[in-house]
Amino acid sequence: MKTWENFKDNVKKIDPSLNNDIEEMETLALIVSAIISRRNELGYSQRELAHICGLPQSSVARIESSSVKPNIETLLKIMKPLGLSLMVTTL
């Protein structure tokens, strides 16, 4: 497999029930990418963003590295000060 699209197509052929999981993973990746991009645009470190959001820096780091699946409340805490809260309505 050469691309993500090839991998997705292969997984869907093997087990179509995993399609929802793949879509969820892609949506979360889009959100995390937007958070990282916007944080960098604003010149915030993870520590600064965490302080603004009232979260530990380690939580921001785990979300940005996709090592945890954040709940919606945590995502909104992060997205709002970044001006990304409207992004949720477009997904």
PDB file of N, CA and C in Angstrom:
ATOM      1  N   MET A   1       0.831  -1.178   0.000  1.00  0.00           N
ATOM      2  CA  MET A   1       0.000   0.000   0.000  1.00  0.00           C
ATOM      3  C   MET A   1       0.874   1.239   0.000  1.00  0.00           C
ATOM      4  N   LYS A   2       0.526   2.142  -0.897  1.00  0.00           N
ATOM      5  CA  LYS A   2       1.365   3.312  -1.065  1.00  0.00           C
ATOM      6  C   LYS A   2       0.793   4.561  -0.413  1.00  0.00           C
ATOM      7  N   THR A   3      -0.509   4.647  -0.280  1.00  0.00           N
ATOM      8  CA  THR A   3      -1.107   5.867   0.251  1.00  0.00           C
ATOM      9  C   THR A   3      -2.147   5.530   1.315  1.00  0.00           C
ATOM     10  N   TRP A   4      -2.541   6.581   2.032  1.00  0.00           N
ATOM     11  CA  TRP A   4      -3.596   6.429   3.032  1.00  0.00           C
ATOM     12  C   TRP A   4      -4.884   5.970   2.345  1.00  0.00           C
ATOM     13  N   GLU A   5      -5.163   6.523   1.173  1.00  0.00           N
ATOM     14  CA  GLU A   5      -6.373   6.136   0.435  1.00  0.00           C
ATOM     15  C   GLU A   5      -6.351   4.647   0.090  1.00  0.00           C
ATOM     16  N   ASN A   6      -5.198   4.124  -0.328  1.00  0.00           N
ATOM     17  CA  ASN A   6      -5.075   2.688  -0.612  1.00  0.00           C
ATOM     18  C   ASN A   6      -5.343   1.865   0.639  1.00  0.00           C
ATOM     19  N   PHE A   7      -4.775   2.322   1.758  1.00  0.00           N
ATOM     20  CA  PHE A   7      -4.961   1.612   3.020  1.00  0.00           C
ATOM     21  C   PHE A   7      -6.441   1.589   3.396  1.00  0.00           C
ATOM     22  N   LYS A   8      -7.111   2.755   3.315  1.00  0.00           N
ATOM     23  CA  LYS A   8      -8.535   2.824   3.657  1.00  0.00           C
ATOM     24  C   LYS A   8      -9.357   1.892   2.777  1.00  0.00           C
ATOM     25  N   ASP A   9      -9.098   1.922   1.478  1.00  0.00           N
ATOM     26  CA  ASP A   9      -9.838   1.059   0.559  1.00  0.00           C
ATOM     27  C   ASP A   9      -9.641  -0.408   0.912  1.00  0.00           C
ATOM     28  N   ASN A  10      -8.422  -0.774   1.245  1.00  0.00           N
ATOM     29  CA  ASN A  10      -8.125  -2.154   1.615  1.00  0.00           C
ATOM     30  C   ASN A  10      -8.863  -2.553   2.889  1.00  0.00           C
ATOM     31  N   VAL A  11      -8.835  -1.680   3.891  1.00  0.00           N
ATOM     32  CA  VAL A  11      -9.520  -1.976   5.162  1.00  0.00           C
ATOM     33  C   VAL A  11     -11.017  -2.122   4.925  1.00  0.00           C
ATOM     34  N   LYS A  12     -11.593  -1.236   4.118  1.00  0.00           N
ATOM     35  CA  LYS A  12     -13.027  -1.298   3.844  1.00  0.00           C
ATOM     36  C   LYS A  12     -13.410  -2.602   3.146  1.00  0.00           C
ATOM     37  N   LYS A  13     -12.521  -3.104   2.279  1.00  0.00           N
ATOM     38  CA  LYS A  13     -12.793  -4.375   1.605  1.00  0.00           C
ATOM     39  C   LYS A  13     -12.733  -5.535   2.586  1.00  0.00           C
ATOM     40  N   ILE A  14     -11.763  -5.469   3.497  1.00  0.00           N
ATOM     41  CA  ILE A  14     -11.593  -6.545   4.472  1.00  0.00           C
ATOM     42  C   ILE A  14     -12.712  -6.531   5.505  1.00  0.00           C
ATOM     43  N   ASP A  15     -13.035  -5.341   6.015  1.00  0.00           N
ATOM     44  CA  ASP A  15     -14.058  -5.221   7.053  1.00  0.00           C
ATOM     45  C   ASP A  15     -14.785  -3.894   6.912  1.00  0.00           C
ATOM     46  N   PRO A  16     -15.881  -3.867   6.158  1.00  0.00           N
ATOM     47  CA  PRO A  16     -16.622  -2.625   5.929  1.00  0.00           C
ATOM     48  C   PRO A  16     -17.105  -1.944   7.211  1.00  0.00           C
ATOM     49  N   SER A  17     -17.238  -2.692   8.287  1.00  0.00           N
ATOM     50  CA  SER A  17     -17.704  -2.102   9.542  1.00  0.00           C
ATOM     51  C   SER A  17     -16.695  -1.115  10.132  1.00  0.00           C
ATOM     52  N   LEU A  18     -15.456  -1.170   9.655  1.00  0.00           N
ATOM     53  CA  LEU A  18     -14.434  -0.249  10.162  1.00  0.00           C
ATOM     54  C   LEU A  18     -14.483   1.126   9.497  1.00  0.00           C
ATOM     55  N   ASN A  19     -15.370   1.286   8.521  1.00  0.00           N
ATOM     56  CA  ASN A  19     -15.475   2.554   7.812  1.00  0.00           C
ATOM     57  C   ASN A  19     -15.757   3.712   8.775  1.00  0.00           C
ATOM     58  N   ASN A  20     -16.668   3.524   9.726  1.00  0.00           N
ATOM     59  CA  ASN A  20     -16.982   4.580  10.690  1.00  0.00           C
ATOM     60  C   ASN A  20     -15.768   4.934  11.534  1.00  0.00           C
ATOM     61  N   ASP A  21     -14.997   3.938  11.923  1.00  0.00           N
ATOM     62  CA  ASP A  21     -13.788   4.193  12.709  1.00  0.00           C
ATOM     63  C   ASP A  21     -12.780   5.027  11.914  1.00  0.00           C
ATOM     64  N   ILE A  22     -12.648   4.708  10.648  1.00  0.00           N
ATOM     65  CA  ILE A  22     -11.715   5.449   9.795  1.00  0.00           C
ATOM     66  C   ILE A  22     -12.181   6.893   9.640  1.00  0.00           C
ATOM     67  N   GLU A  23     -13.465   7.088   9.410  1.00  0.00           N
ATOM     68  CA  GLU A  23     -14.000   8.445   9.266  1.00  0.00           C
ATOM     69  C   GLU A  23     -13.811   9.247  10.547  1.00  0.00           C
ATOM     70  N   GLU A  24     -14.040   8.623  11.684  1.00  0.00           N
ATOM     71  CA  GLU A  24     -13.845   9.299  12.974  1.00  0.00           C
ATOM     72  C   GLU A  24     -12.375   9.684  13.161  1.00  0.00           C
ATOM     73  N   MET A  25     -11.494   8.774  12.800  1.00  0.00           N
ATOM     74  CA  MET A  25     -10.063   9.030  12.923  1.00  0.00           C
ATOM     75  C   MET A  25      -9.643  10.188  12.013  1.00  0.00           C
ATOM     76  N   GLU A  26     -10.163  10.234  10.809  1.00  0.00           N
ATOM     77  CA  GLU A  26      -9.829  11.315   9.888  1.00  0.00           C
ATOM     78  C   GLU A  26     -10.361  12.659  10.392  1.00  0.00           C
ATOM     79  N   THR A  27     -11.567  12.659  10.938  1.00  0.00           N
ATOM     80  CA  THR A  27     -12.141  13.895  11.477  1.00  0.00           C
ATOM     81  C   THR A  27     -11.319  14.405  12.642  1.00  0.00           C
ATOM     82  N   LEU A  28     -10.942  13.522  13.538  1.00  0.00           N
ATOM     83  CA  LEU A  28     -10.117  13.929  14.674  1.00  0.00           C
ATOM     84  C   LEU A  28      -8.760  14.448  14.199  1.00  0.00           C
ATOM     85  N   ALA A  29      -8.197  13.820  13.191  1.00  0.00           N
ATOM     86  CA  ALA A  29      -6.910  14.283  12.645  1.00  0.00           C
ATOM     87  C   ALA A  29      -7.036  15.688  12.065  1.00  0.00           C
ATOM     88  N   LEU A  30      -8.150  15.980  11.405  1.00  0.00           N
ATOM     89  CA  LEU A  30      -8.381  17.331  10.872  1.00  0.00           C
ATOM     90  C   LEU A  30      -8.460  18.358  11.992  1.00  0.00           C
ATOM     91  N   ILE A  31      -9.157  18.002  13.066  1.00  0.00           N
ATOM     92  CA  ILE A  31      -9.299  18.909  14.203  1.00  0.00           C
ATOM     93  C   ILE A  31      -7.948  19.155  14.860  1.00  0.00           C
ATOM     94  N   VAL A  32      -7.208  18.091  15.104  1.00  0.00           N
ATOM     95  CA  VAL A  32      -5.898  18.225  15.746  1.00  0.00           C
ATOM     96  C   VAL A  32      -4.953  19.039  14.873  1.00  0.00           C
ATOM     97  N   SER A  33      -4.983  18.792  13.579  1.00  0.00           N
ATOM     98  CA  SER A  33      -4.139  19.572  12.663  1.00  0.00           C
ATOM     99  C   SER A  33      -4.487  21.052  12.715  1.00  0.00           C
ATOM    100  N   ALA A  34      -5.780  21.351  12.782  1.00  0.00           N
ATOM    101  CA  ALA A  34      -6.212  22.748  12.861  1.00  0.00           C
ATOM    102  C   ALA A  34      -5.755  23.383  14.174  1.00  0.00           C
ATOM    103  N   ILE A  35      -5.818  22.636  15.259  1.00  0.00           N
ATOM    104  CA  ILE A  35      -5.369  23.140  16.563  1.00  0.00           C
ATOM    105  C   ILE A  35      -3.878  23.464  16.512  1.00  0.00           C
ATOM    106  N   ILE A  36      -3.104  22.542  16.003  1.00  0.00           N
ATOM    107  CA  ILE A  36      -1.644  22.747  15.940  1.00  0.00           C
ATOM    108  C   ILE A  36      -1.320  23.936  15.047  1.00  0.00           C
ATOM    109  N   SER A  37      -1.937  24.001  13.877  1.00  0.00           N
ATOM    110  CA  SER A  37      -1.673  25.102  12.945  1.00  0.00           C
ATOM    111  C   SER A  37      -2.027  26.444  13.567  1.00  0.00           C
ATOM    112  N   ARG A  38      -3.194  26.513  14.174  1.00  0.00           N
ATOM    113  CA  ARG A  38      -3.637  27.782  14.757  1.00  0.00           C
ATOM    114  C   ARG A  38      -2.771  28.176  15.954  1.00  0.00           C
ATOM    115  N   ARG A  39      -2.414  27.206  16.784  1.00  0.00           N
ATOM    116  CA  ARG A  39      -1.541  27.489  17.931  1.00  0.00           C
ATOM    117  C   ARG A  39      -0.226  28.073  17.435  1.00  0.00           C
ATOM    118  N   ASN A  40       0.320  27.475  16.400  1.00  0.00           N
ATOM    119  CA  ASN A  40       1.577  27.976  15.828  1.00  0.00           C
ATOM    120  C   ASN A  40       1.410  29.356  15.195  1.00  0.00           C
ATOM    121  N   GLU A  41       0.293  29.572  14.502  1.00  0.00           N
ATOM    122  CA  GLU A  41       0.024  30.892  13.913  1.00  0.00           C
ATOM    123  C   GLU A  41       0.008  31.982  14.979  1.00  0.00           C
ATOM    124  N   LEU A  42      -0.577  31.661  16.127  1.00  0.00           N
ATOM    125  CA  LEU A  42      -0.682  32.633  17.209  1.00  0.00           C
ATOM    126  C   LEU A  42       0.595  32.732  18.035  1.00  0.00           C
ATOM    127  N   GLY A  43       1.542  31.831  17.771  1.00  0.00           N
ATOM    128  CA  GLY A  43       2.822  31.865  18.475  1.00  0.00           C
ATOM    129  C   GLY A  43       2.765  31.323  19.891  1.00  0.00           C
ATOM    130  N   TYR A  44       1.755  30.500  20.175  1.00  0.00           N
ATOM    131  CA  TYR A  44       1.633  29.910  21.513  1.00  0.00           C
ATOM    132  C   TYR A  44       2.430  28.617  21.593  1.00  0.00           C
ATOM    133  N   SER A  45       3.072  28.409  22.716  1.00  0.00           N
ATOM    134  CA  SER A  45       3.648  27.102  23.005  1.00  0.00           C
ATOM    135  C   SER A  45       2.512  26.221  23.532  1.00  0.00           C
ATOM    136  N   GLN A  46       2.762  24.934  23.623  1.00  0.00           N
ATOM    137  CA  GLN A  46       1.760  24.051  24.228  1.00  0.00           C
ATOM    138  C   GLN A  46       1.485  24.488  25.657  1.00  0.00           C
ATOM    139  N   ARG A  47       2.513  24.872  26.369  1.00  0.00           N
ATOM    140  CA  ARG A  47       2.367  25.298  27.760  1.00  0.00           C
ATOM    141  C   ARG A  47       1.479  26.544  27.858  1.00  0.00           C
ATOM    142  N   GLU A  48       1.698  27.510  26.959  1.00  0.00           N
ATOM    143  CA  GLU A  48       0.891  28.733  26.975  1.00  0.00           C
ATOM    144  C   GLU A  48      -0.570  28.435  26.648  1.00  0.00           C
ATOM    145  N   LEU A  49      -0.791  27.607  25.643  1.00  0.00           N
ATOM    146  CA  LEU A  49      -2.161  27.245  25.291  1.00  0.00           C
ATOM    147  C   LEU A  49      -2.833  26.511  26.442  1.00  0.00           C
ATOM    148  N   ALA A  50      -2.131  25.597  27.046  1.00  0.00           N
ATOM    149  CA  ALA A  50      -2.688  24.850  28.173  1.00  0.00           C
ATOM    150  C   ALA A  50      -3.085  25.796  29.306  1.00  0.00           C
ATOM    151  N   HIS A  51      -2.244  26.770  29.599  1.00  0.00           N
ATOM    152  CA  HIS A  51      -2.540  27.733  30.659  1.00  0.00           C
ATOM    153  C   HIS A  51      -3.808  28.526  30.341  1.00  0.00           C
ATOM    154  N   ILE A  52      -3.917  28.980  29.104  1.00  0.00           N
ATOM    155  CA  ILE A  52      -5.098  29.727  28.665  1.00  0.00           C
ATOM    156  C   ILE A  52      -6.360  28.888  28.816  1.00  0.00           C
ATOM    157  N   CYS A  53      -6.237  27.597  28.545  1.00  0.00           N
ATOM    158  CA  CYS A  53      -7.388  26.688  28.561  1.00  0.00           C
ATOM    159  C   CYS A  53      -7.671  26.083  29.932  1.00  0.00           C
ATOM    160  N   GLY A  54      -6.750  26.273  30.850  1.00  0.00           N
ATOM    161  CA  GLY A  54      -6.916  25.669  32.171  1.00  0.00           C
ATOM    162  C   GLY A  54      -6.677  24.168  32.171  1.00  0.00           C
ATOM    163  N   LEU A  55      -5.763  23.741  31.329  1.00  0.00           N
ATOM    164  CA  LEU A  55      -5.433  22.315  31.210  1.00  0.00           C
ATOM    165  C   LEU A  55      -3.951  22.117  31.489  1.00  0.00           C
ATOM    166  N   PRO A  56      -3.555  20.906  31.856  1.00  0.00           N
ATOM    167  CA  PRO A  56      -2.125  20.623  31.959  1.00  0.00           C
ATOM    168  C   PRO A  56      -1.485  20.607  30.566  1.00  0.00           C
ATOM    169  N   GLN A  57      -0.239  21.021  30.488  1.00  0.00           N
ATOM    170  CA  GLN A  57       0.478  21.001  29.204  1.00  0.00           C
ATOM    171  C   GLN A  57       0.519  19.591  28.644  1.00  0.00           C
ATOM    172  N   SER A  58       0.633  18.617  29.527  1.00  0.00           N
ATOM    173  CA  SER A  58       0.706  17.226  29.061  1.00  0.00           C
ATOM    174  C   SER A  58      -0.566  16.813  28.319  1.00  0.00           C
ATOM    175  N   SER A  59      -1.698  17.379  28.699  1.00  0.00           N
ATOM    176  CA  SER A  59      -2.944  17.061  27.991  1.00  0.00           C
ATOM    177  C   SER A  59      -2.908  17.592  26.566  1.00  0.00           C
ATOM    178  N   VAL A  60      -2.435  18.821  26.407  1.00  0.00           N
ATOM    179  CA  VAL A  60      -2.323  19.391  25.066  1.00  0.00           C
ATOM    180  C   VAL A  60      -1.349  18.554  24.232  1.00  0.00           C
ATOM    181  N   ALA A  61      -0.234  18.181  24.829  1.00  0.00           N
ATOM    182  CA  ALA A  61       0.761  17.376  24.107  1.00  0.00           C
ATOM    183  C   ALA A  61       0.181  16.026  23.677  1.00  0.00           C
ATOM    184  N   ARG A  62      -0.554  15.376  24.559  1.00  0.00           N
ATOM    185  CA  ARG A  62      -1.128  14.069  24.211  1.00  0.00           C
ATOM    186  C   ARG A  62      -2.171  14.190  23.106  1.00  0.00           C
ATOM    187  N   ILE A  63      -2.949  15.272  23.145  1.00  0.00           N
ATOM    188  CA  ILE A  63      -3.949  15.477  22.090  1.00  0.00           C
ATOM    189  C   ILE A  63      -3.257  15.754  20.762  1.00  0.00           C
ATOM    190  N   GLU A  64      -2.254  16.627  20.785  1.00  0.00           N
ATOM    191  CA  GLU A  64      -1.554  16.969  19.547  1.00  0.00           C
ATOM    192  C   GLU A  64      -0.791  15.791  18.959  1.00  0.00           C
ATOM    193  N   SER A  65      -0.359  14.882  19.790  1.00  0.00           N
ATOM    194  CA  SER A  65       0.364  13.713  19.279  1.00  0.00           C
ATOM    195  C   SER A  65      -0.576  12.560  18.958  1.00  0.00           C
ATOM    196  N   SER A  66      -1.876  12.783  19.173  1.00  0.00           N
ATOM    197  CA  SER A  66      -2.910  11.761  18.938  1.00  0.00           C
ATOM    198  C   SER A  66      -2.706  10.511  19.776  1.00  0.00           C
ATOM    199  N   SER A  67      -2.085  10.674  20.942  1.00  0.00           N
ATOM    200  CA  SER A  67      -1.913   9.508  21.813  1.00  0.00           C
ATOM    201  C   SER A  67      -3.128   9.287  22.705  1.00  0.00           C
ATOM    202  N   VAL A  68      -4.057  10.264  22.720  1.00  0.00           N
ATOM    203  CA  VAL A  68      -5.329  10.098  23.424  1.00  0.00           C
ATOM    204  C   VAL A  68      -6.451  10.569  22.518  1.00  0.00           C
ATOM    205  N   LYS A  69      -7.631  10.093  22.797  1.00  0.00           N
ATOM    206  CA  LYS A  69      -8.827  10.539  22.081  1.00  0.00           C
ATOM    207  C   LYS A  69      -9.551  11.486  23.037  1.00  0.00           C
ATOM    208  N   PRO A  70      -9.457  12.796  22.791  1.00  0.00           N
ATOM    209  CA  PRO A  70     -10.031  13.753  23.729  1.00  0.00           C
ATOM    210  C   PRO A  70     -11.554  13.764  23.687  1.00  0.00           C
ATOM    211  N   ASN A  71     -12.151  14.132  24.826  1.00  0.00           N
ATOM    212  CA  ASN A  71     -13.605  14.274  24.813  1.00  0.00           C
ATOM    213  C   ASN A  71     -13.955  15.640  24.239  1.00  0.00           C
ATOM    214  N   ILE A  72     -15.197  15.829  23.909  1.00  0.00           N
ATOM    215  CA  ILE A  72     -15.626  17.048  23.227  1.00  0.00           C
ATOM    216  C   ILE A  72     -15.428  18.275  24.108  1.00  0.00           C
ATOM    217  N   GLU A  73     -15.642  18.150  25.419  1.00  0.00           N
ATOM    218  CA  GLU A  73     -15.460  19.292  26.312  1.00  0.00           C
ATOM    219  C   GLU A  73     -14.018  19.788  26.290  1.00  0.00           C
ATOM    220  N   THR A  74     -13.077  18.875  26.300  1.00  0.00           N
ATOM    221  CA  THR A  74     -11.659  19.251  26.263  1.00  0.00           C
ATOM    222  C   THR A  74     -11.317  19.896  24.926  1.00  0.00           C
ATOM    223  N   LEU A  75     -11.820  19.327  23.842  1.00  0.00           N
ATOM    224  CA  LEU A  75     -11.565  19.932  22.530  1.00  0.00           C
ATOM    225  C   LEU A  75     -12.102  21.357  22.467  1.00  0.00           C
ATOM    226  N   LEU A  76     -13.286  21.559  22.988  1.00  0.00           N
ATOM    227  CA  LEU A  76     -13.866  22.902  22.963  1.00  0.00           C
ATOM    228  C   LEU A  76     -13.079  23.872  23.832  1.00  0.00           C
ATOM    229  N   LYS A  77     -12.564  23.410  24.961  1.00  0.00           N
ATOM    230  CA  LYS A  77     -11.721  24.253  25.814  1.00  0.00           C
ATOM    231  C   LYS A  77     -10.492  24.731  25.050  1.00  0.00           C
ATOM    232  N   ILE A  78      -9.975  23.886  24.205  1.00  0.00           N
ATOM    233  CA  ILE A  78      -8.778  24.231  23.428  1.00  0.00           C
ATOM    234  C   ILE A  78      -9.145  25.059  22.202  1.00  0.00           C
ATOM    235  N   MET A  79     -10.204  24.690  21.523  1.00  0.00           N
ATOM    236  CA  MET A  79     -10.554  25.329  20.264  1.00  0.00           C
ATOM    237  C   MET A  79     -11.073  26.756  20.445  1.00  0.00           C
ATOM    238  N   LYS A  80     -11.814  27.011  21.503  1.00  0.00           N
ATOM    239  CA  LYS A  80     -12.430  28.325  21.685  1.00  0.00           C
ATOM    240  C   LYS A  80     -11.401  29.456  21.731  1.00  0.00           C
ATOM    241  N   PRO A  81     -10.364  29.389  22.588  1.00  0.00           N
ATOM    242  CA  PRO A  81      -9.402  30.491  22.610  1.00  0.00           C
ATOM    243  C   PRO A  81      -8.574  30.615  21.326  1.00  0.00           C
ATOM    244  N   LEU A  82      -8.569  29.576  20.525  1.00  0.00           N
ATOM    245  CA  LEU A  82      -7.860  29.612  19.248  1.00  0.00           C
ATOM    246  C   LEU A  82      -8.738  30.151  18.125  1.00  0.00           C
ATOM    247  N   GLY A  83     -10.009  30.395  18.439  1.00  0.00           N
ATOM    248  CA  GLY A  83     -10.946  30.871  17.423  1.00  0.00           C
ATOM    249  C   GLY A  83     -11.400  29.782  16.490  1.00  0.00           C
ATOM    250  N   LEU A  84     -11.349  28.547  16.949  1.00  0.00           N
ATOM    251  CA  LEU A  84     -11.713  27.404  16.108  1.00  0.00           C
ATOM    252  C   LEU A  84     -13.054  26.789  16.486  1.00  0.00           C
ATOM    253  N   SER A  85     -13.771  27.385  17.422  1.00  0.00           N
ATOM    254  CA  SER A  85     -14.997  26.748  17.890  1.00  0.00           C
ATOM    255  C   SER A  85     -16.062  26.644  16.786  1.00  0.00           C
ATOM    256  N   LEU A  86     -16.003  27.527  15.809  1.00  0.00           N
ATOM    257  CA  LEU A  86     -16.960  27.427  14.694  1.00  0.00           C
ATOM    258  C   LEU A  86     -16.639  26.260  13.774  1.00  0.00           C
ATOM    259  N   MET A  87     -15.405  25.780  13.837  1.00  0.00           N
ATOM    260  CA  MET A  87     -14.997  24.652  13.004  1.00  0.00           C
ATOM    261  C   MET A  87     -15.865  23.436  13.282  1.00  0.00           C
ATOM    262  N   VAL A  88     -16.293  23.266  14.515  1.00  0.00           N
ATOM    263  CA  VAL A  88     -17.083  22.095  14.911  1.00  0.00           C
ATOM    264  C   VAL A  88     -18.386  22.038  14.133  1.00  0.00           C
ATOM    265  N   THR A  89     -18.983  23.189  13.870  1.00  0.00           N
ATOM    266  CA  THR A  89     -20.261  23.201  13.152  1.00  0.00           C
ATOM    267  C   THR A  89     -20.126  22.875  11.679  1.00  0.00           C
ATOM    268  N   THR A  90     -18.903  22.974  11.150  1.00  0.00           N
ATOM    269  CA  THR A  90     -18.712  22.692   9.729  1.00  0.00           C
ATOM    270  C   THR A  90     -18.297  21.262   9.447  1.00  0.00           C
ATOM    271  N   LEU A  91     -18.011  20.490  10.489  1.00  0.00           N
ATOM    272  CA  LEU A  91     -17.574  19.108  10.271  1.00  0.00           C
ATOM    273  C   LEU A  91     -18.721  18.162  10.091  1.00  0.00           C
TER     274      LEU A  91
END
